[in-house]
Amino acid sequence: MRYKKSLIRTMLHRTYRFSSSWKSVIRECGYLKGKFFKLGYPDSLVDATVTFFLNSVFMEKHQV
């Protein structure tokens, strides 16, 4: 489970770094969620990891 969570975080981090706008980040996160669901990742793990990542990035942006 730890490796699955790390893969999700890695893909989200890549999405965030390579996207040019917030709109594309959100769209790509939705795409990744669908892919992970198709691969059999637990829904709760994917949702929690995506939510935590987006909240941490959003908070990081507003604190700077």
PDB file of N, CA and C in Angstrom:
ATOM      1  N   MET A   1       0.833  -1.191   0.000  1.00  0.00           N
ATOM      2  CA  MET A   1       0.000   0.000   0.000  1.00  0.00           C
ATOM      3  C   MET A   1       0.880   1.260   0.000  1.00  0.00           C
ATOM      4  N   ARG A   2       1.993   1.186   0.680  1.00  0.00           N
ATOM      5  CA  ARG A   2       2.889   2.335   0.750  1.00  0.00           C
ATOM      6  C   ARG A   2       3.419   2.700  -0.640  1.00  0.00           C
ATOM      7  N   TYR A   3       3.729   1.686  -1.440  1.00  0.00           N
ATOM      8  CA  TYR A   3       4.244   1.928  -2.783  1.00  0.00           C
ATOM      9  C   TYR A   3       3.170   2.515  -3.697  1.00  0.00           C
ATOM     10  N   LYS A   4       1.951   2.067  -3.522  1.00  0.00           N
ATOM     11  CA  LYS A   4       0.855   2.614  -4.319  1.00  0.00           C
ATOM     12  C   LYS A   4       0.652   4.091  -3.999  1.00  0.00           C
ATOM     13  N   LYS A   5       0.690   4.399  -2.717  1.00  0.00           N
ATOM     14  CA  LYS A   5       0.521   5.790  -2.300  1.00  0.00           C
ATOM     15  C   LYS A   5       1.660   6.659  -2.833  1.00  0.00           C
ATOM     16  N   SER A   6       2.865   6.127  -2.806  1.00  0.00           N
ATOM     17  CA  SER A   6       4.019   6.870  -3.323  1.00  0.00           C
ATOM     18  C   SER A   6       3.909   7.112  -4.819  1.00  0.00           C
ATOM     19  N   LEU A   7       3.414   6.122  -5.554  1.00  0.00           N
ATOM     20  CA  LEU A   7       3.239   6.303  -6.999  1.00  0.00           C
ATOM     21  C   LEU A   7       2.204   7.386  -7.290  1.00  0.00           C
ATOM     22  N   ILE A   8       1.121   7.379  -6.547  1.00  0.00           N
ATOM     23  CA  ILE A   8       0.086   8.410  -6.732  1.00  0.00           C
ATOM     24  C   ILE A   8       0.683   9.781  -6.473  1.00  0.00           C
ATOM     25  N   ARG A   9       1.419   9.922  -5.363  1.00  0.00           N
ATOM     26  CA  ARG A   9       2.029  11.206  -5.029  1.00  0.00           C
ATOM     27  C   ARG A   9       3.026  11.654  -6.090  1.00  0.00           C
ATOM     28  N   THR A  10       3.815  10.714  -6.590  1.00  0.00           N
ATOM     29  CA  THR A  10       4.794  11.043  -7.625  1.00  0.00           C
ATOM     30  C   THR A  10       4.103  11.572  -8.879  1.00  0.00           C
ATOM     31  N   MET A  11       3.067  10.900  -9.305  1.00  0.00           N
ATOM     32  CA  MET A  11       2.345  11.327 -10.504  1.00  0.00           C
ATOM     33  C   MET A  11       1.673  12.681 -10.296  1.00  0.00           C
ATOM     34  N   LEU A  12       1.134  12.912  -9.108  1.00  0.00           N
ATOM     35  CA  LEU A  12       0.519  14.209  -8.814  1.00  0.00           C
ATOM     36  C   LEU A  12       1.560  15.318  -8.807  1.00  0.00           C
ATOM     37  N   HIS A  13       2.713  15.028  -8.230  1.00  0.00           N
ATOM     38  CA  HIS A  13       3.778  16.023  -8.186  1.00  0.00           C
ATOM     39  C   HIS A  13       4.252  16.371  -9.602  1.00  0.00           C
ATOM     40  N   ARG A  14       4.397  15.376 -10.454  1.00  0.00           N
ATOM     41  CA  ARG A  14       4.782  15.614 -11.851  1.00  0.00           C
ATOM     42  C   ARG A  14       3.722  16.452 -12.564  1.00  0.00           C
ATOM     43  N   THR A  15       2.471  16.125 -12.311  1.00  0.00           N
ATOM     44  CA  THR A  15       1.373  16.885 -12.913  1.00  0.00           C
ATOM     45  C   THR A  15       1.449  18.350 -12.501  1.00  0.00           C
ATOM     46  N   TYR A  16       1.660  18.581 -11.224  1.00  0.00           N
ATOM     47  CA  TYR A  16       1.724  19.948 -10.703  1.00  0.00           C
ATOM     48  C   TYR A  16       2.895  20.717 -11.316  1.00  0.00           C
ATOM     49  N   ARG A  17       4.052  20.082 -11.392  1.00  0.00           N
ATOM     50  CA  ARG A  17       5.251  20.759 -11.890  1.00  0.00           C
ATOM     51  C   ARG A  17       5.197  21.049 -13.397  1.00  0.00           C
ATOM     52  N   PHE A  18       4.565  20.175 -14.160  1.00  0.00           N
ATOM     53  CA  PHE A  18       4.567  20.332 -15.609  1.00  0.00           C
ATOM     54  C   PHE A  18       3.350  21.060 -16.165  1.00  0.00           C
ATOM     55  N   SER A  19       2.363  21.331 -15.341  1.00  0.00           N
ATOM     56  CA  SER A  19       1.152  21.994 -15.823  1.00  0.00           C
ATOM     57  C   SER A  19       1.343  23.503 -15.829  1.00  0.00           C
ATOM     58  N   SER A  20       0.706  24.139 -16.790  1.00  0.00           N
ATOM     59  CA  SER A  20       0.871  25.577 -16.945  1.00  0.00           C
ATOM     60  C   SER A  20      -0.196  26.386 -16.207  1.00  0.00           C
ATOM     61  N   SER A  21      -1.284  25.735 -15.805  1.00  0.00           N
ATOM     62  CA  SER A  21      -2.336  26.470 -15.106  1.00  0.00           C
ATOM     63  C   SER A  21      -3.043  25.540 -14.112  1.00  0.00           C
ATOM     64  N   TRP A  22      -3.787  26.163 -13.205  1.00  0.00           N
ATOM     65  CA  TRP A  22      -4.542  25.371 -12.225  1.00  0.00           C
ATOM     66  C   TRP A  22      -5.616  24.543 -12.904  1.00  0.00           C
ATOM     67  N   LYS A  23      -6.174  25.076 -13.956  1.00  0.00           N
ATOM     68  CA  LYS A  23      -7.214  24.352 -14.682  1.00  0.00           C
ATOM     69  C   LYS A  23      -6.665  23.034 -15.232  1.00  0.00           C
ATOM     70  N   SER A  24      -5.474  23.081 -15.781  1.00  0.00           N
ATOM     71  CA  SER A  24      -4.875  21.855 -16.311  1.00  0.00           C
ATOM     72  C   SER A  24      -4.457  20.898 -15.193  1.00  0.00           C
ATOM     73  N   VAL A  25      -4.065  21.421 -14.042  1.00  0.00           N
ATOM     74  CA  VAL A  25      -3.730  20.558 -12.894  1.00  0.00           C
ATOM     75  C   VAL A  25      -4.964  19.795 -12.444  1.00  0.00           C
ATOM     76  N   ILE A  26      -6.076  20.483 -12.308  1.00  0.00           N
ATOM     77  CA  ILE A  26      -7.310  19.845 -11.856  1.00  0.00           C
ATOM     78  C   ILE A  26      -7.792  18.825 -12.885  1.00  0.00           C
ATOM     79  N   ARG A  27      -7.727  19.160 -14.143  1.00  0.00           N
ATOM     80  CA  ARG A  27      -8.143  18.239 -15.205  1.00  0.00           C
ATOM     81  C   ARG A  27      -7.263  16.978 -15.195  1.00  0.00           C
ATOM     82  N   GLU A  28      -5.963  17.164 -15.061  1.00  0.00           N
ATOM     83  CA  GLU A  28      -5.037  16.030 -15.053  1.00  0.00           C
ATOM     84  C   GLU A  28      -5.209  15.170 -13.802  1.00  0.00           C
ATOM     85  N   CYS A  29      -5.522  15.789 -12.665  1.00  0.00           N
ATOM     86  CA  CYS A  29      -5.785  15.022 -11.441  1.00  0.00           C
ATOM     87  C   CYS A  29      -7.006  14.123 -11.626  1.00  0.00           C
ATOM     88  N   GLY A  30      -8.024  14.637 -12.269  1.00  0.00           N
ATOM     89  CA  GLY A  30      -9.203  13.828 -12.565  1.00  0.00           C
ATOM     90  C   GLY A  30      -8.868  12.669 -13.481  1.00  0.00           C
ATOM     91  N   TYR A  31      -8.030  12.926 -14.464  1.00  0.00           N
ATOM     92  CA  TYR A  31      -7.597  11.874 -15.385  1.00  0.00           C
ATOM     93  C   TYR A  31      -6.814  10.797 -14.635  1.00  0.00           C
ATOM     94  N   LEU A  32      -5.886  11.229 -13.773  1.00  0.00           N
ATOM     95  CA  LEU A  32      -5.092  10.271 -13.006  1.00  0.00           C
ATOM     96  C   LEU A  32      -5.956   9.443 -12.060  1.00  0.00           C
ATOM     97  N   LYS A  33      -6.943  10.093 -11.441  1.00  0.00           N
ATOM     98  CA  LYS A  33      -7.844   9.347 -10.553  1.00  0.00           C
ATOM     99  C   LYS A  33      -8.543   8.235 -11.319  1.00  0.00           C
ATOM    100  N   GLY A  34      -9.015   8.535 -12.509  1.00  0.00           N
ATOM    101  CA  GLY A  34      -9.665   7.523 -13.331  1.00  0.00           C
ATOM    102  C   GLY A  34      -8.731   6.381 -13.681  1.00  0.00           C
ATOM    103  N   LYS A  35      -7.492   6.700 -14.021  1.00  0.00           N
ATOM    104  CA  LYS A  35      -6.510   5.668 -14.364  1.00  0.00           C
ATOM    105  C   LYS A  35      -6.206   4.775 -13.163  1.00  0.00           C
ATOM    106  N   PHE A  36      -6.023   5.382 -12.004  1.00  0.00           N
ATOM    107  CA  PHE A  36      -5.732   4.578 -10.811  1.00  0.00           C
ATOM    108  C   PHE A  36      -6.924   3.707 -10.416  1.00  0.00           C
ATOM    109  N   PHE A  37      -8.127   4.202 -10.587  1.00  0.00           N
ATOM    110  CA  PHE A  37      -9.311   3.388 -10.307  1.00  0.00           C
ATOM    111  C   PHE A  37      -9.363   2.181 -11.242  1.00  0.00           C
ATOM    112  N   LYS A  38      -9.031   2.418 -12.535  1.00  0.00           N
ATOM    113  CA  LYS A  38      -9.027   1.311 -13.497  1.00  0.00           C
ATOM    114  C   LYS A  38      -7.949   0.279 -13.175  1.00  0.00           C
ATOM    115  N   LEU A  39      -6.855   0.729 -12.575  1.00  0.00           N
ATOM    116  CA  LEU A  39      -5.773  -0.181 -12.210  1.00  0.00           C
ATOM    117  C   LEU A  39      -6.061  -0.951 -10.919  1.00  0.00           C
ATOM    118  N   GLY A  40      -7.191  -0.656 -10.295  1.00  0.00           N
ATOM    119  CA  GLY A  40      -7.581  -1.399  -9.100  1.00  0.00           C
ATOM    120  C   GLY A  40      -7.106  -0.804  -7.785  1.00  0.00           C
ATOM    121  N   TYR A  41      -6.660   0.438  -7.827  1.00  0.00           N
ATOM    122  CA  TYR A  41      -6.260   1.091  -6.582  1.00  0.00           C
ATOM    123  C   TYR A  41      -7.520   1.369  -5.759  1.00  0.00           C
ATOM    124  N   PRO A  42      -7.434   1.240  -4.442  1.00  0.00           N
ATOM    125  CA  PRO A  42      -8.609   1.517  -3.605  1.00  0.00           C
ATOM    126  C   PRO A  42      -9.080   2.970  -3.769  1.00  0.00           C
ATOM    127  N   ASP A  43     -10.383   3.135  -3.907  1.00  0.00           N
ATOM    128  CA  ASP A  43     -10.957   4.480  -4.090  1.00  0.00           C
ATOM    129  C   ASP A  43     -10.567   5.419  -2.952  1.00  0.00           C
ATOM    130  N   SER A  44     -10.634   4.914  -1.734  1.00  0.00           N
ATOM    131  CA  SER A  44     -10.339   5.767  -0.579  1.00  0.00           C
ATOM    132  C   SER A  44      -8.885   6.233  -0.583  1.00  0.00           C
ATOM    133  N   LEU A  45      -7.974   5.371  -1.005  1.00  0.00           N
ATOM    134  CA  LEU A  45      -6.555   5.743  -1.064  1.00  0.00           C
ATOM    135  C   LEU A  45      -6.329   6.823  -2.108  1.00  0.00           C
ATOM    136  N   VAL A  46      -6.887   6.646  -3.273  1.00  0.00           N
ATOM    137  CA  VAL A  46      -6.704   7.618  -4.358  1.00  0.00           C
ATOM    138  C   VAL A  46      -7.324   8.960  -3.971  1.00  0.00           C
ATOM    139  N   ASP A  47      -8.561   8.937  -3.500  1.00  0.00           N
ATOM    140  CA  ASP A  47      -9.233  10.187  -3.131  1.00  0.00           C
ATOM    141  C   ASP A  47      -8.500  10.921  -2.016  1.00  0.00           C
ATOM    142  N   ALA A  48      -8.090  10.193  -0.987  1.00  0.00           N
ATOM    143  CA  ALA A  48      -7.409  10.814   0.151  1.00  0.00           C
ATOM    144  C   ALA A  48      -6.059  11.396  -0.268  1.00  0.00           C
ATOM    145  N   THR A  49      -5.327  10.683  -1.095  1.00  0.00           N
ATOM    146  CA  THR A  49      -4.016  11.147  -1.520  1.00  0.00           C
ATOM    147  C   THR A  49      -4.127  12.382  -2.417  1.00  0.00           C
ATOM    148  N   VAL A  50      -5.062  12.370  -3.341  1.00  0.00           N
ATOM    149  CA  VAL A  50      -5.257  13.526  -4.227  1.00  0.00           C
ATOM    150  C   VAL A  50      -5.709  14.737  -3.419  1.00  0.00           C
ATOM    151  N   THR A  51      -6.651  14.540  -2.524  1.00  0.00           N
ATOM    152  CA  THR A  51      -7.138  15.639  -1.684  1.00  0.00           C
ATOM    153  C   THR A  51      -6.030  16.215  -0.826  1.00  0.00           C
ATOM    154  N   PHE A  52      -5.255  15.347  -0.181  1.00  0.00           N
ATOM    155  CA  PHE A  52      -4.150  15.808   0.662  1.00  0.00           C
ATOM    156  C   PHE A  52      -3.124  16.582  -0.158  1.00  0.00           C
ATOM    157  N   PHE A  53      -2.788  16.067  -1.337  1.00  0.00           N
ATOM    158  CA  PHE A  53      -1.805  16.737  -2.189  1.00  0.00           C
ATOM    159  C   PHE A  53      -2.288  18.115  -2.619  1.00  0.00           C
ATOM    160  N   LEU A  54      -3.517  18.189  -3.108  1.00  0.00           N
ATOM    161  CA  LEU A  54      -4.035  19.479  -3.563  1.00  0.00           C
ATOM    162  C   LEU A  54      -4.143  20.477  -2.418  1.00  0.00           C
ATOM    163  N   ASN A  55      -4.553  20.024  -1.246  1.00  0.00           N
ATOM    164  CA  ASN A  55      -4.622  20.915  -0.090  1.00  0.00           C
ATOM    165  C   ASN A  55      -3.238  21.415   0.309  1.00  0.00           C
ATOM    166  N   SER A  56      -2.243  20.535   0.270  1.00  0.00           N
ATOM    167  CA  SER A  56      -0.895  20.953   0.654  1.00  0.00           C
ATOM    168  C   SER A  56      -0.316  21.935  -0.357  1.00  0.00           C
ATOM    169  N   VAL A  57      -0.559  21.718  -1.634  1.00  0.00           N
ATOM    170  CA  VAL A  57      -0.066  22.637  -2.660  1.00  0.00           C
ATOM    171  C   VAL A  57      -0.790  23.974  -2.558  1.00  0.00           C
ATOM    172  N   PHE A  58      -2.088  23.946  -2.329  1.00  0.00           N
ATOM    173  CA  PHE A  58      -2.865  25.176  -2.212  1.00  0.00           C
ATOM    174  C   PHE A  58      -2.410  25.983  -1.008  1.00  0.00           C
ATOM    175  N   MET A  59      -2.197  25.328   0.126  1.00  0.00           N
ATOM    176  CA  MET A  59      -1.748  26.016   1.329  1.00  0.00           C
ATOM    177  C   MET A  59      -0.339  26.575   1.133  1.00  0.00           C
ATOM    178  N   GLU A  60       0.514  25.813   0.472  1.00  0.00           N
ATOM    179  CA  GLU A  60       1.888  26.236   0.212  1.00  0.00           C
ATOM    180  C   GLU A  60       1.898  27.498  -0.637  1.00  0.00           C
ATOM    181  N   LYS A  61       1.037  27.574  -1.635  1.00  0.00           N
ATOM    182  CA  LYS A  61       0.974  28.749  -2.511  1.00  0.00           C
ATOM    183  C   LYS A  61       0.517  29.991  -1.744  1.00  0.00           C
ATOM    184  N   HIS A  62      -0.445  29.823  -0.836  1.00  0.00           N
ATOM    185  CA  HIS A  62      -0.985  30.979  -0.122  1.00  0.00           C
ATOM    186  C   HIS A  62      -0.084  31.451   1.012  1.00  0.00           C
ATOM    187  N   GLN A  63       0.802  30.593   1.491  1.00  0.00           N
ATOM    188  CA  GLN A  63       1.685  30.997   2.561  1.00  0.00           C
ATOM    189  C   GLN A  63       2.878  31.791   2.043  1.00  0.00           C
ATOM    190  N   VAL A  64       3.198  31.624   0.776  1.00  0.00           N
ATOM    191  CA  VAL A  64       4.354  32.315   0.203  1.00  0.00           C
ATOM    192  C   VAL A  64       4.012  33.722  -0.181  1.00  0.00           C
TER     193      VAL A  64
END
